Amino acid sequence: MKRLLIASTIALGLACVGSVSVAQNQTPATNLPNFTVIAPAAQYETYFVNLPTGYGLEALVGNTHRQYMQAERAAEGSEALRKLGVASQPFVAVAIDNSAQPGVAERVLLTDSVQNTVAIVDVYCKRDAPKGKHCLLVPQQV
C-alpha cells in the first residue's frame, strides 16, 4: 500500500511539473547578467541564479496571494523531484510571497546533508516595479 501511494504521488508530481514547464516555455525570457526572468501572464514569476557549488536557486515569486499559492505548490513539487534525483536541473526551488507587503527581503540558506551552509542568496522584491522585474537575487560569499 505504501509503495502504491509513493508511486502515485511521484506520477502526479511528474504530471504537474510537466504542465508547469510547458506553460513557462511558451513565454519569452529576459536574460540579465546573473539571473533569468520568466513571467507568464497571471502566474508567478520565476527567477534563477547559478551558484558556484554546481547547484542553482529557483525563486518562484507570487505577486498576489493566488500566484504565491501556485508558486508554493510548484516549489514543493520541484523539490520533491530534486530530492528523489529525477529533476532535470539541479535547482533548489523556494516560493517567495510578494503579495502582502510593499517589498520583501529574504535570505535563503542552502545547506548540505550535514547542515553546513554551502550557499547564501539574498532575495529582494518590490511590488511596484516595472512589469516582469520585481525581484533581484544576489548570491553572497560563504
Protein backbone atom coordinates (compact mmCIF):
# COMPACT_ATOMS: atom_id res chain seq x y z
CA MET A 1 0.00 0.00 0.00
CA LYS A 2 2.80 2.39 0.94
CA ARG A 3 4.66 1.72 -2.32
CA LEU A 4 1.49 2.30 -4.34
CA LEU A 5 0.91 5.62 -2.57
CA ILE A 6 4.52 6.74 -3.17
CA ALA A 7 4.40 5.70 -6.84
CA SER A 8 1.11 7.52 -7.46
CA THR A 9 2.41 10.65 -5.69
CA ILE A 10 5.52 10.68 -7.87
CA ALA A 11 3.44 10.16 -11.03
CA LEU A 12 1.10 13.02 -10.09
CA GLY A 13 4.08 15.27 -9.32
CA LEU A 14 5.66 14.49 -12.69
CA ALA A 15 2.39 15.28 -14.46
CA CYS A 16 2.06 18.62 -12.64
CA VAL A 17 5.69 19.64 -13.19
CA GLY A 18 5.41 18.84 -16.89
CA SER A 19 2.43 21.15 -17.26
CA VAL A 20 4.18 23.97 -15.39
CA SER A 21 7.28 23.75 -17.59
CA VAL A 22 5.19 23.78 -20.76
CA ALA A 23 3.44 26.97 -19.62
CA GLN A 24 6.77 28.59 -18.81
CA ASN A 25 8.35 27.66 -22.15
CA GLN A 26 5.61 29.49 -24.05
CA THR A 27 6.72 32.90 -22.78
CA PRO A 28 9.79 34.87 -23.78
CA ALA A 29 12.57 35.04 -21.22
CA THR A 30 14.55 38.16 -20.36
CA ASN A 31 18.21 37.35 -19.77
CA LEU A 32 20.03 39.62 -17.34
CA PRO A 33 23.66 39.27 -16.14
CA ASN A 34 23.06 37.00 -13.13
CA PHE A 35 19.54 35.66 -13.49
CA THR A 36 16.70 34.92 -15.89
CA VAL A 37 13.15 36.20 -15.51
CA ILE A 38 10.22 34.25 -16.91
CA ALA A 39 6.87 35.96 -16.35
CA PRO A 40 3.81 34.21 -17.75
CA ALA A 41 0.62 36.25 -17.61
CA ALA A 42 -1.42 35.69 -14.42
CA GLN A 43 1.17 33.32 -12.96
CA TYR A 44 4.05 33.59 -10.51
CA GLU A 45 7.42 34.85 -11.70
CA THR A 46 10.44 32.56 -11.83
CA TYR A 47 13.97 33.77 -11.14
CA PHE A 48 17.11 31.64 -11.49
CA VAL A 49 20.62 32.19 -10.19
CA ASN A 50 23.51 29.80 -10.80
CA LEU A 51 25.78 29.21 -7.82
CA PRO A 52 29.45 28.18 -7.81
CA THR A 53 28.54 25.00 -5.89
CA GLY A 54 27.12 23.35 -9.02
CA TYR A 55 23.55 23.98 -7.93
CA GLY A 56 21.30 26.92 -8.54
CA LEU A 57 18.41 28.65 -6.84
CA GLU A 58 14.99 28.92 -8.43
CA ALA A 59 12.85 31.56 -6.71
CA LEU A 60 9.16 31.33 -7.54
CA VAL A 61 7.66 34.73 -6.65
CA GLY A 62 3.93 35.30 -6.27
CA ASN A 63 2.85 38.94 -6.50
CA THR A 64 -0.72 38.04 -5.49
CA HIS A 65 -1.91 35.50 -2.93
CA ARG A 66 -3.16 33.20 -5.69
CA GLN A 67 0.18 33.38 -7.52
CA TYR A 68 2.03 32.69 -4.27
CA MET A 69 -0.07 29.57 -3.62
CA GLN A 70 0.69 28.36 -7.17
CA ALA A 71 4.39 29.09 -6.62
CA GLU A 72 4.41 27.23 -3.31
CA ARG A 73 2.85 24.12 -4.85
CA ALA A 74 5.26 24.22 -7.79
CA ALA A 75 8.28 24.67 -5.47
CA GLU A 76 7.19 21.73 -3.31
CA GLY A 77 6.78 19.52 -6.38
CA SER A 78 10.11 20.58 -7.83
CA GLU A 79 11.91 19.97 -4.53
CA ALA A 80 10.34 16.52 -4.18
CA LEU A 81 11.60 15.56 -7.64
CA ARG A 82 15.06 17.02 -6.98
CA LYS A 83 15.38 15.09 -3.71
CA LEU A 84 14.36 11.89 -5.49
CA GLY A 85 17.07 12.52 -8.07
CA VAL A 86 14.74 12.76 -11.07
CA ALA A 87 14.86 16.53 -11.62
CA SER A 88 16.17 17.66 -14.99
CA GLN A 89 18.20 20.54 -13.49
CA PRO A 90 19.91 20.88 -10.08
CA PHE A 91 17.92 23.95 -8.95
CA VAL A 92 16.72 24.28 -5.37
CA ALA A 93 13.21 25.76 -5.53
CA VAL A 94 11.74 28.18 -2.99
CA ALA A 95 8.49 30.15 -3.01
CA ILE A 96 8.55 33.86 -2.11
CA ASP A 97 5.40 35.77 -1.07
CA ASN A 98 5.48 39.28 -2.52
CA SER A 99 1.74 39.89 -2.14
CA ALA A 100 1.16 41.11 1.40
CA GLN A 101 3.90 43.70 1.83
CA PRO A 102 5.21 46.63 -0.20
CA GLY A 103 8.51 44.76 -0.58
CA VAL A 104 10.29 41.61 0.54
CA ALA A 105 13.86 40.94 1.56
CA GLU A 106 14.68 37.32 2.37
CA ARG A 107 17.89 35.38 2.85
CA VAL A 108 17.90 31.84 1.54
CA LEU A 109 20.49 29.49 3.05
CA LEU A 110 21.34 26.35 1.11
CA THR A 111 22.76 23.58 3.28
CA ASP A 112 24.21 20.15 2.58
CA SER A 113 23.14 16.88 4.18
CA VAL A 114 25.08 17.60 7.41
CA GLN A 115 23.65 21.14 7.71
CA ASN A 116 26.77 23.00 6.51
CA THR A 117 25.87 26.21 4.68
CA VAL A 118 27.03 25.88 1.07
CA ALA A 119 25.39 28.97 -0.43
CA ILE A 120 23.60 32.15 0.63
CA VAL A 121 21.28 34.08 -1.68
CA ASP A 122 19.55 37.34 -0.76
CA VAL A 123 16.21 37.90 -2.49
CA TYR A 124 14.94 41.48 -2.81
CA CYS A 125 11.46 42.11 -4.25
CA LYS A 126 9.28 45.17 -4.81
CA ARG A 127 5.60 45.16 -5.59
CA ASP A 128 5.65 48.45 -7.51
CA ALA A 129 8.26 47.74 -10.16
CA PRO A 130 8.32 47.53 -13.94
CA LYS A 131 6.38 44.52 -15.18
CA GLY A 132 8.42 41.33 -15.08
CA LYS A 133 11.28 42.71 -12.96
CA HIS A 134 10.01 42.65 -9.40
CA CYS A 135 12.92 40.78 -7.79
CA LEU A 136 16.67 40.62 -7.67
CA LEU A 137 18.71 37.60 -6.49
CA VAL A 138 22.12 38.38 -5.01
CA PRO A 139 24.43 35.45 -4.15
CA GLN A 140 26.72 36.07 -1.16
CA GLN A 141 30.12 34.62 -0.26
CA VAL A 142 30.03 31.73 2.22
